[in-house]
């Protein structure tokens, strides 16, 4: 017997605290947006780390970014270390925002941080189309294929010897 599990009605607001996908100049812009958005924001009166600490990390990053434009291994290393520090500080600040947003997307977004989309169940997947089974490259092997099904992360195949009877033993293959 199976039960259908549904998500609870109250969803947790999740602040995006990873900045590794941002380009160098985009990280600078995003950090400035966050600083501006949190300055005087009544929903986040005592941010941890403080906005002064975030601003200092950002300033060190911008200085290193500017110095890196002339090139050189030391400048690149300095920029990478400053970026890592700024990302860490922003990540900690994002966790503070998440903990103090009162489960409100509006409050969380007022911080300048982005939030994750709420996940929703996909529902019943479509029936596979163009299912084919052919002889595989090795003797005694089979190769199965089908058109991609939107929402499917993997496919499960079951195989048995013919003729199929009530006593057939099915083997599962991914």
N, C-alpha and C. Protein backbone atom coordinates (compact mmCIF):
# COMPACT_ATOMS: atom_id res chain seq x y z
N UNK A 1 0.84 -1.17 0.00
CA UNK A 1 0.00 0.00 0.00
C UNK A 1 0.89 1.24 0.00
N UNK A 2 0.47 2.24 -0.74
CA UNK A 2 1.23 3.48 -0.85
C UNK A 2 0.37 4.65 -0.37
N UNK A 3 1.04 5.67 0.15
CA UNK A 3 0.35 6.89 0.52
C UNK A 3 0.95 8.03 -0.29
N UNK A 4 0.10 8.93 -0.68
CA UNK A 4 0.57 10.11 -1.38
C UNK A 4 0.96 11.14 -0.34
N UNK A 5 2.22 11.55 -0.35
CA UNK A 5 2.69 12.54 0.60
C UNK A 5 2.65 13.91 -0.06
N UNK A 6 2.05 14.86 0.60
CA UNK A 6 1.98 16.21 0.07
C UNK A 6 2.77 17.15 0.95
N UNK A 7 3.34 18.19 0.37
CA UNK A 7 4.10 19.13 1.18
C UNK A 7 3.18 19.89 2.13
N UNK A 8 3.74 20.37 3.22
CA UNK A 8 2.95 21.16 4.16
C UNK A 8 2.59 22.49 3.50
N UNK A 9 1.55 23.11 4.01
CA UNK A 9 1.10 24.35 3.40
C UNK A 9 2.06 25.50 3.68
N UNK A 10 2.78 25.45 4.78
CA UNK A 10 3.72 26.53 5.10
C UNK A 10 5.08 26.19 4.51
N UNK A 11 5.53 27.02 3.60
CA UNK A 11 6.82 26.74 2.97
C UNK A 11 7.89 27.61 3.61
N UNK A 12 9.07 27.06 3.71
CA UNK A 12 10.21 27.75 4.28
C UNK A 12 10.82 28.65 3.22
N UNK A 13 11.02 29.90 3.55
CA UNK A 13 11.69 30.83 2.64
C UNK A 13 13.17 30.53 2.71
N UNK A 14 13.76 30.22 1.57
CA UNK A 14 15.19 29.91 1.53
C UNK A 14 15.92 30.99 0.75
N UNK A 15 16.84 31.64 1.45
CA UNK A 15 17.65 32.68 0.84
C UNK A 15 18.82 32.02 0.12
N UNK A 16 19.13 32.48 -1.07
CA UNK A 16 20.27 31.95 -1.82
C UNK A 16 21.54 32.54 -1.22
N UNK A 17 22.38 31.66 -0.68
CA UNK A 17 23.59 32.12 0.02
C UNK A 17 24.87 31.73 -0.72
N UNK A 18 24.74 31.22 -1.93
CA UNK A 18 25.91 30.88 -2.73
C UNK A 18 26.07 31.93 -3.83
N UNK A 19 27.28 32.41 -3.97
CA UNK A 19 27.57 33.45 -4.95
C UNK A 19 28.63 33.00 -5.95
N UNK A 20 28.97 31.73 -5.93
CA UNK A 20 30.07 31.22 -6.75
C UNK A 20 29.79 31.31 -8.25
N UNK A 21 28.52 31.37 -8.63
CA UNK A 21 28.19 31.44 -10.06
C UNK A 21 28.23 32.86 -10.62
N UNK A 22 28.33 33.84 -9.73
CA UNK A 22 28.37 35.22 -10.20
C UNK A 22 29.75 35.57 -10.75
N UNK A 23 29.77 36.35 -11.82
CA UNK A 23 31.05 36.86 -12.32
C UNK A 23 31.58 37.87 -11.31
N UNK A 24 32.85 38.18 -11.43
CA UNK A 24 33.49 39.07 -10.47
C UNK A 24 32.76 40.40 -10.32
N UNK A 25 32.46 41.06 -11.44
CA UNK A 25 31.80 42.36 -11.35
C UNK A 25 30.36 42.24 -10.86
N UNK A 26 29.69 41.12 -11.15
CA UNK A 26 28.33 40.90 -10.67
C UNK A 26 28.30 40.69 -9.15
N UNK A 27 29.34 40.06 -8.61
CA UNK A 27 29.42 39.89 -7.15
C UNK A 27 29.54 41.25 -6.48
N UNK A 28 30.34 42.14 -7.06
CA UNK A 28 30.47 43.49 -6.52
C UNK A 28 29.11 44.19 -6.52
N UNK A 29 28.41 44.12 -7.65
CA UNK A 29 27.09 44.76 -7.77
C UNK A 29 26.10 44.17 -6.77
N UNK A 30 26.06 42.85 -6.69
CA UNK A 30 25.11 42.19 -5.78
C UNK A 30 25.40 42.57 -4.33
N UNK A 31 26.66 42.59 -3.95
CA UNK A 31 27.00 42.94 -2.56
C UNK A 31 26.58 44.38 -2.25
N UNK A 32 26.73 45.29 -3.22
CA UNK A 32 26.31 46.68 -3.00
C UNK A 32 24.79 46.77 -2.88
N UNK A 33 24.05 46.00 -3.68
CA UNK A 33 22.59 45.97 -3.59
C UNK A 33 22.17 45.50 -2.20
N UNK A 34 22.82 44.46 -1.70
CA UNK A 34 22.48 43.92 -0.38
C UNK A 34 22.77 44.96 0.71
N UNK A 35 23.92 45.59 0.64
CA UNK A 35 24.27 46.62 1.64
C UNK A 35 23.24 47.75 1.61
N UNK A 36 22.90 48.23 0.42
CA UNK A 36 21.91 49.32 0.29
C UNK A 36 20.54 48.89 0.80
N UNK A 37 20.15 47.65 0.50
CA UNK A 37 18.82 47.17 0.89
C UNK A 37 18.70 46.96 2.40
N UNK A 38 19.78 46.60 3.05
CA UNK A 38 19.73 46.34 4.49
C UNK A 38 19.98 47.59 5.32
N UNK A 39 20.56 48.61 4.72
CA UNK A 39 20.81 49.86 5.46
C UNK A 39 19.47 50.49 5.83
N UNK A 40 19.21 50.59 7.13
CA UNK A 40 17.97 51.17 7.63
C UNK A 40 16.75 50.28 7.48
N UNK A 41 16.92 49.02 7.11
CA UNK A 41 15.80 48.09 6.94
C UNK A 41 15.32 47.64 8.33
N UNK A 42 14.11 48.04 8.70
CA UNK A 42 13.57 47.75 10.04
C UNK A 42 13.38 46.26 10.30
N UNK A 43 13.26 45.47 9.25
CA UNK A 43 13.08 44.02 9.43
C UNK A 43 14.38 43.33 9.83
N UNK A 44 15.50 43.98 9.60
CA UNK A 44 16.81 43.40 9.92
C UNK A 44 17.66 44.43 10.66
N UNK A 45 17.29 44.71 11.93
CA UNK A 45 17.94 45.81 12.65
C UNK A 45 19.38 45.55 13.07
N UNK A 46 19.74 44.31 13.35
CA UNK A 46 21.09 43.99 13.85
C UNK A 46 21.71 42.86 13.04
N UNK A 47 22.05 43.13 11.78
CA UNK A 47 22.57 42.05 10.94
C UNK A 47 23.90 41.49 11.44
N UNK A 48 24.05 40.20 11.23
CA UNK A 48 25.29 39.50 11.59
C UNK A 48 25.75 38.75 10.34
N UNK A 49 26.95 39.06 9.85
CA UNK A 49 27.89 40.10 10.25
C UNK A 49 27.29 41.49 10.03
N UNK A 50 27.91 42.48 10.63
CA UNK A 50 27.40 43.85 10.51
C UNK A 50 27.59 44.36 9.09
N UNK A 51 26.82 45.39 8.76
CA UNK A 51 26.97 45.98 7.42
C UNK A 51 28.33 46.63 7.25
N UNK A 52 28.91 47.11 8.35
CA UNK A 52 30.27 47.67 8.28
C UNK A 52 31.27 46.58 7.90
N UNK A 53 31.09 45.37 8.44
CA UNK A 53 31.99 44.26 8.10
C UNK A 53 31.81 43.85 6.64
N UNK A 54 30.56 43.82 6.19
CA UNK A 54 30.28 43.48 4.79
C UNK A 54 30.89 44.55 3.87
N UNK A 55 30.71 45.81 4.23
CA UNK A 55 31.25 46.91 3.41
C UNK A 55 32.77 46.84 3.35
N UNK A 56 33.42 46.48 4.47
CA UNK A 56 34.88 46.36 4.49
C UNK A 56 35.33 45.21 3.59
N UNK A 57 34.62 44.07 3.65
CA UNK A 57 34.95 42.93 2.78
C UNK A 57 34.75 43.30 1.32
N UNK A 58 33.68 44.03 1.04
CA UNK A 58 33.41 44.45 -0.33
C UNK A 58 34.49 45.40 -0.82
N UNK A 59 34.87 46.35 0.02
CA UNK A 59 35.90 47.32 -0.37
C UNK A 59 37.23 46.62 -0.65
N UNK A 60 37.60 45.66 0.19
CA UNK A 60 38.84 44.89 -0.04
C UNK A 60 38.74 44.12 -1.35
N UNK A 61 37.56 43.58 -1.64
CA UNK A 61 37.35 42.84 -2.88
C UNK A 61 37.46 43.77 -4.09
N UNK A 62 36.82 44.93 -4.02
CA UNK A 62 36.86 45.89 -5.14
C UNK A 62 38.29 46.35 -5.39
N UNK A 63 39.03 46.62 -4.31
CA UNK A 63 40.44 47.02 -4.46
C UNK A 63 41.25 45.92 -5.14
N UNK A 64 41.03 44.68 -4.70
CA UNK A 64 41.76 43.54 -5.29
C UNK A 64 41.33 43.32 -6.74
N UNK A 65 40.07 43.54 -7.01
CA UNK A 65 39.55 43.39 -8.38
C UNK A 65 40.18 44.42 -9.30
N UNK A 66 40.29 45.64 -8.83
CA UNK A 66 40.91 46.71 -9.62
C UNK A 66 42.39 46.42 -9.85
N UNK A 67 43.09 45.98 -8.80
CA UNK A 67 44.52 45.66 -8.93
C UNK A 67 44.74 44.49 -9.87
N UNK A 68 43.78 43.58 -9.93
CA UNK A 68 43.91 42.39 -10.77
C UNK A 68 43.81 42.72 -12.26
N UNK A 69 43.26 43.88 -12.59
CA UNK A 69 43.12 44.26 -14.00
C UNK A 69 44.47 44.39 -14.69
N UNK A 70 45.51 44.71 -13.93
CA UNK A 70 46.85 44.81 -14.52
C UNK A 70 47.51 43.45 -14.63
N UNK A 71 46.89 42.42 -14.06
CA UNK A 71 47.40 41.06 -14.19
C UNK A 71 48.40 40.71 -13.12
N UNK A 72 48.96 39.52 -13.24
CA UNK A 72 49.93 39.05 -12.28
C UNK A 72 49.32 38.01 -11.35
N UNK A 73 50.14 37.04 -11.00
CA UNK A 73 49.66 35.94 -10.16
C UNK A 73 49.29 36.41 -8.76
N UNK A 74 50.09 37.31 -8.20
CA UNK A 74 49.80 37.79 -6.84
C UNK A 74 48.48 38.54 -6.80
N UNK A 75 48.22 39.38 -7.79
CA UNK A 75 46.97 40.13 -7.83
C UNK A 75 45.78 39.20 -7.98
N UNK A 76 45.94 38.17 -8.82
CA UNK A 76 44.86 37.20 -9.00
C UNK A 76 44.59 36.45 -7.70
N UNK A 77 45.65 36.04 -7.03
CA UNK A 77 45.49 35.34 -5.75
C UNK A 77 44.83 36.25 -4.72
N UNK A 78 45.26 37.49 -4.65
CA UNK A 78 44.68 38.45 -3.71
C UNK A 78 43.19 38.65 -4.00
N UNK A 79 42.85 38.78 -5.29
CA UNK A 79 41.44 38.94 -5.68
C UNK A 79 40.63 37.71 -5.30
N UNK A 80 41.17 36.51 -5.55
CA UNK A 80 40.46 35.28 -5.22
C UNK A 80 40.23 35.14 -3.72
N UNK A 81 41.23 35.50 -2.92
CA UNK A 81 41.08 35.44 -1.46
C UNK A 81 40.06 36.47 -0.97
N UNK A 82 40.08 37.66 -1.54
CA UNK A 82 39.11 38.69 -1.16
C UNK A 82 37.70 38.28 -1.57
N UNK A 83 37.58 37.65 -2.73
CA UNK A 83 36.27 37.16 -3.18
C UNK A 83 35.76 36.09 -2.24
N UNK A 84 36.63 35.16 -1.87
CA UNK A 84 36.23 34.08 -0.96
C UNK A 84 35.74 34.66 0.37
N UNK A 85 36.45 35.66 0.89
CA UNK A 85 36.04 36.29 2.14
C UNK A 85 34.69 36.99 1.99
N UNK A 86 34.49 37.73 0.90
CA UNK A 86 33.21 38.42 0.68
C UNK A 86 32.07 37.41 0.53
N UNK A 87 32.29 36.34 -0.21
CA UNK A 87 31.26 35.31 -0.36
C UNK A 87 30.91 34.69 0.98
N UNK A 88 31.91 34.44 1.82
CA UNK A 88 31.67 33.86 3.15
C UNK A 88 30.85 34.82 4.00
N UNK A 89 31.23 36.10 4.01
CA UNK A 89 30.51 37.10 4.81
C UNK A 89 29.06 37.24 4.31
N UNK A 90 28.87 37.29 3.00
CA UNK A 90 27.52 37.39 2.45
C UNK A 90 26.70 36.14 2.75
N UNK A 91 27.34 34.98 2.72
CA UNK A 91 26.64 33.74 3.06
C UNK A 91 26.13 33.75 4.50
N UNK A 92 26.97 34.21 5.42
CA UNK A 92 26.55 34.32 6.83
C UNK A 92 25.42 35.33 6.98
N UNK A 93 25.53 36.44 6.28
CA UNK A 93 24.48 37.46 6.32
C UNK A 93 23.17 36.91 5.74
N UNK A 94 23.28 36.11 4.68
CA UNK A 94 22.09 35.49 4.09
C UNK A 94 21.40 34.55 5.05
N UNK A 95 22.16 33.82 5.85
CA UNK A 95 21.56 32.94 6.86
C UNK A 95 20.84 33.76 7.93
N UNK A 96 21.42 34.90 8.30
CA UNK A 96 20.76 35.81 9.25
C UNK A 96 19.43 36.29 8.65
N UNK A 97 19.45 36.70 7.39
CA UNK A 97 18.24 37.18 6.72
C UNK A 97 17.19 36.08 6.70
N UNK A 98 17.60 34.87 6.35
CA UNK A 98 16.66 33.75 6.29
C UNK A 98 16.03 33.50 7.66
N UNK A 99 16.83 33.53 8.71
CA UNK A 99 16.33 33.26 10.06
C UNK A 99 15.41 34.37 10.57
N UNK A 100 15.54 35.57 10.03
CA UNK A 100 14.77 36.70 10.54
C UNK A 100 13.73 37.23 9.57
N UNK A 101 13.42 36.47 8.53
CA UNK A 101 12.48 36.96 7.52
C UNK A 101 11.03 36.61 7.84
N UNK A 102 10.79 35.94 8.96
CA UNK A 102 9.43 35.61 9.42
C UNK A 102 8.65 34.83 8.36
N UNK A 103 9.34 33.98 7.63
CA UNK A 103 8.72 33.15 6.58
C UNK A 103 8.04 33.99 5.50
N UNK A 104 8.44 35.23 5.36
CA UNK A 104 7.84 36.12 4.36
C UNK A 104 8.80 36.34 3.20
N UNK A 105 8.34 35.99 2.01
CA UNK A 105 9.16 36.23 0.82
C UNK A 105 9.40 37.71 0.63
N UNK A 106 8.39 38.52 0.90
CA UNK A 106 8.51 39.97 0.74
C UNK A 106 9.59 40.54 1.65
N UNK A 107 9.60 40.10 2.91
CA UNK A 107 10.63 40.57 3.85
C UNK A 107 12.00 40.09 3.41
N UNK A 108 12.10 38.82 3.03
CA UNK A 108 13.40 38.28 2.59
C UNK A 108 13.92 39.03 1.37
N UNK A 109 13.06 39.29 0.41
CA UNK A 109 13.48 40.00 -0.81
C UNK A 109 13.86 41.45 -0.52
N UNK A 110 13.29 42.04 0.53
CA UNK A 110 13.63 43.42 0.87
C UNK A 110 15.08 43.57 1.32
N UNK A 111 15.74 42.44 1.58
CA UNK A 111 17.14 42.46 2.01
C UNK A 111 18.12 42.61 0.86
N UNK A 112 17.62 42.42 -0.37
CA UNK A 112 18.52 42.45 -1.52
C UNK A 112 19.00 41.07 -1.94
N UNK A 113 18.76 40.07 -1.08
CA UNK A 113 19.11 38.69 -1.42
C UNK A 113 18.04 38.11 -2.33
N UNK A 114 18.43 37.14 -3.13
CA UNK A 114 17.48 36.38 -3.93
C UNK A 114 17.00 35.20 -3.09
N UNK A 115 15.83 34.67 -3.44
CA UNK A 115 15.32 33.50 -2.73
C UNK A 115 15.07 32.37 -3.72
N UNK A 116 15.08 31.15 -3.19
CA UNK A 116 14.83 29.99 -4.03
C UNK A 116 13.34 29.90 -4.32
N UNK A 117 13.02 29.40 -5.51
CA UNK A 117 11.62 29.16 -5.85
C UNK A 117 11.10 28.01 -4.99
N UNK A 118 9.81 28.08 -4.66
CA UNK A 118 9.20 26.97 -3.93
C UNK A 118 9.13 25.76 -4.84
N UNK A 119 9.47 24.64 -4.28
CA UNK A 119 9.41 23.41 -5.06
C UNK A 119 7.99 22.87 -5.03
N UNK A 120 7.56 22.39 -6.17
CA UNK A 120 6.21 21.84 -6.27
C UNK A 120 6.30 20.47 -6.92
N UNK A 121 5.44 19.55 -6.50
CA UNK A 121 5.47 18.23 -7.13
C UNK A 121 5.10 18.33 -8.61
N UNK A 122 5.72 17.49 -9.41
CA UNK A 122 5.47 17.49 -10.85
C UNK A 122 4.15 16.81 -11.17
N UNK A 123 3.82 15.80 -10.41
CA UNK A 123 2.61 15.04 -10.68
C UNK A 123 2.96 13.76 -11.44
N UNK A 124 1.97 13.16 -12.04
CA UNK A 124 2.18 11.92 -12.77
C UNK A 124 2.88 12.24 -14.09
N UNK A 125 3.95 11.52 -14.35
CA UNK A 125 4.73 11.75 -15.57
C UNK A 125 4.02 11.15 -16.78
N UNK A 126 4.33 11.69 -17.93
CA UNK A 126 3.75 11.20 -19.18
C UNK A 126 4.25 9.79 -19.48
N UNK A 127 3.47 9.08 -20.26
CA UNK A 127 3.85 7.73 -20.69
C UNK A 127 5.02 7.84 -21.67
N UNK A 128 6.00 6.92 -21.58
CA UNK A 128 7.14 6.99 -22.49
C UNK A 128 6.73 6.79 -23.95
N UNK A 129 7.40 7.50 -24.85
CA UNK A 129 7.17 7.35 -26.29
C UNK A 129 8.42 6.81 -26.95
N UNK A 130 8.24 6.17 -28.09
CA UNK A 130 9.33 5.61 -28.90
C UNK A 130 10.23 4.68 -28.10
N UNK A 131 9.62 3.83 -27.31
CA UNK A 131 10.38 2.86 -26.52
C UNK A 131 10.88 1.77 -27.47
N UNK A 132 12.21 1.53 -27.44
CA UNK A 132 12.82 0.52 -28.31
C UNK A 132 13.79 -0.33 -27.50
N UNK A 133 13.82 -1.61 -27.82
CA UNK A 133 14.82 -2.51 -27.26
C UNK A 133 15.52 -3.17 -28.43
N UNK A 134 16.85 -3.05 -28.46
CA UNK A 134 17.64 -3.62 -29.55
C UNK A 134 18.77 -4.45 -28.97
N UNK A 135 19.36 -5.28 -29.82
CA UNK A 135 20.53 -6.03 -29.38
C UNK A 135 21.63 -5.05 -29.01
N UNK A 136 22.32 -5.35 -27.91
CA UNK A 136 23.39 -4.49 -27.45
C UNK A 136 24.70 -4.79 -28.14
N UNK A 137 25.74 -4.05 -27.82
CA UNK A 137 27.04 -4.23 -28.47
C UNK A 137 27.73 -5.54 -28.06
N UNK A 138 27.39 -6.07 -26.90
CA UNK A 138 27.98 -7.32 -26.43
C UNK A 138 26.98 -8.46 -26.59
N UNK A 139 27.49 -9.65 -26.82
CA UNK A 139 26.62 -10.82 -26.96
C UNK A 139 25.78 -10.99 -25.70
N UNK A 140 24.48 -11.19 -25.86
CA UNK A 140 23.59 -11.40 -24.72
C UNK A 140 23.15 -10.12 -24.03
N UNK A 141 23.51 -8.96 -24.59
CA UNK A 141 23.10 -7.70 -23.96
C UNK A 141 22.02 -7.02 -24.80
N UNK A 142 21.26 -6.16 -24.14
CA UNK A 142 20.21 -5.40 -24.80
C UNK A 142 20.45 -3.91 -24.57
N UNK A 143 19.95 -3.11 -25.49
CA UNK A 143 20.05 -1.67 -25.34
C UNK A 143 18.65 -1.09 -25.49
N UNK A 144 18.17 -0.41 -24.43
CA UNK A 144 16.83 0.17 -24.44
C UNK A 144 16.95 1.68 -24.61
N UNK A 145 15.98 2.27 -25.31
CA UNK A 145 15.96 3.72 -25.49
C UNK A 145 14.51 4.20 -25.55
N UNK A 146 14.33 5.47 -25.24
CA UNK A 146 13.02 6.09 -25.31
C UNK A 146 13.20 7.59 -25.38
N UNK A 147 12.15 8.31 -25.78
CA UNK A 147 12.21 9.77 -25.79
C UNK A 147 12.24 10.28 -24.36
N UNK A 148 12.93 11.39 -24.16
CA UNK A 148 13.04 12.00 -22.83
C UNK A 148 11.66 12.38 -22.32
N UNK A 149 11.44 12.13 -21.04
CA UNK A 149 10.20 12.51 -20.38
C UNK A 149 10.50 13.70 -19.48
N UNK A 150 9.83 14.83 -19.70
CA UNK A 150 10.04 16.01 -18.87
C UNK A 150 9.75 15.68 -17.41
N UNK A 151 10.68 16.03 -16.53
CA UNK A 151 10.51 15.80 -15.10
C UNK A 151 11.15 14.52 -14.61
N UNK A 152 11.53 13.61 -15.52
CA UNK A 152 12.15 12.35 -15.11
C UNK A 152 13.64 12.56 -14.89
N UNK A 153 14.15 12.05 -13.78
CA UNK A 153 15.58 12.15 -13.50
C UNK A 153 16.31 10.87 -13.89
N UNK A 154 15.62 9.75 -13.88
CA UNK A 154 16.21 8.48 -14.29
C UNK A 154 15.07 7.59 -14.77
N UNK A 155 15.44 6.50 -15.39
CA UNK A 155 14.47 5.56 -15.91
C UNK A 155 14.77 4.18 -15.34
N UNK A 156 13.74 3.45 -15.02
CA UNK A 156 13.87 2.14 -14.42
C UNK A 156 13.29 1.12 -15.41
N UNK A 157 14.10 0.14 -15.79
CA UNK A 157 13.66 -0.89 -16.72
C UNK A 157 13.61 -2.22 -15.99
N UNK A 158 12.60 -3.02 -16.31
CA UNK A 158 12.52 -4.37 -15.77
C UNK A 158 12.57 -5.34 -16.93
N UNK A 159 13.27 -6.45 -16.71
CA UNK A 159 13.47 -7.42 -17.78
C UNK A 159 13.25 -8.83 -17.24
N UNK A 160 12.73 -9.69 -18.10
CA UNK A 160 12.55 -11.10 -17.74
C UNK A 160 12.68 -11.93 -19.01
N UNK A 161 12.82 -13.22 -18.84
CA UNK A 161 12.90 -14.12 -19.99
C UNK A 161 11.51 -14.37 -20.53
N UNK A 162 11.45 -14.69 -21.82
CA UNK A 162 10.17 -15.04 -22.43
C UNK A 162 10.01 -16.54 -22.44
N UNK A 163 8.84 -17.05 -22.48
CA UNK A 163 7.56 -16.37 -22.39
C UNK A 163 7.29 -15.92 -20.96
N UNK A 164 6.54 -14.83 -20.83
CA UNK A 164 6.21 -14.28 -19.52
C UNK A 164 5.10 -15.12 -18.90
N UNK A 165 5.34 -15.56 -17.68
CA UNK A 165 4.34 -16.34 -16.93
C UNK A 165 4.16 -15.70 -15.56
N UNK A 166 3.24 -16.25 -14.77
CA UNK A 166 3.04 -15.74 -13.41
C UNK A 166 4.28 -15.99 -12.55
N UNK A 167 5.10 -16.97 -12.91
CA UNK A 167 6.30 -17.30 -12.14
C UNK A 167 7.55 -16.58 -12.66
N UNK A 168 7.39 -15.72 -13.66
CA UNK A 168 8.55 -15.01 -14.22
C UNK A 168 9.21 -14.15 -13.14
N UNK A 169 10.52 -14.13 -13.18
CA UNK A 169 11.29 -13.31 -12.25
C UNK A 169 11.79 -12.08 -13.01
N UNK A 170 11.39 -10.93 -12.53
CA UNK A 170 11.75 -9.67 -13.18
C UNK A 170 12.99 -9.10 -12.52
N UNK A 171 13.95 -8.66 -13.33
CA UNK A 171 15.16 -8.01 -12.84
C UNK A 171 15.07 -6.52 -13.16
N UNK A 172 15.47 -5.71 -12.22
CA UNK A 172 15.42 -4.27 -12.40
C UNK A 172 16.77 -3.75 -12.87
N UNK A 173 16.73 -2.89 -13.88
CA UNK A 173 17.94 -2.26 -14.42
C UNK A 173 17.70 -0.76 -14.51
N UNK A 174 18.74 -0.01 -14.27
CA UNK A 174 18.64 1.45 -14.44
C UNK A 174 19.04 1.84 -15.84
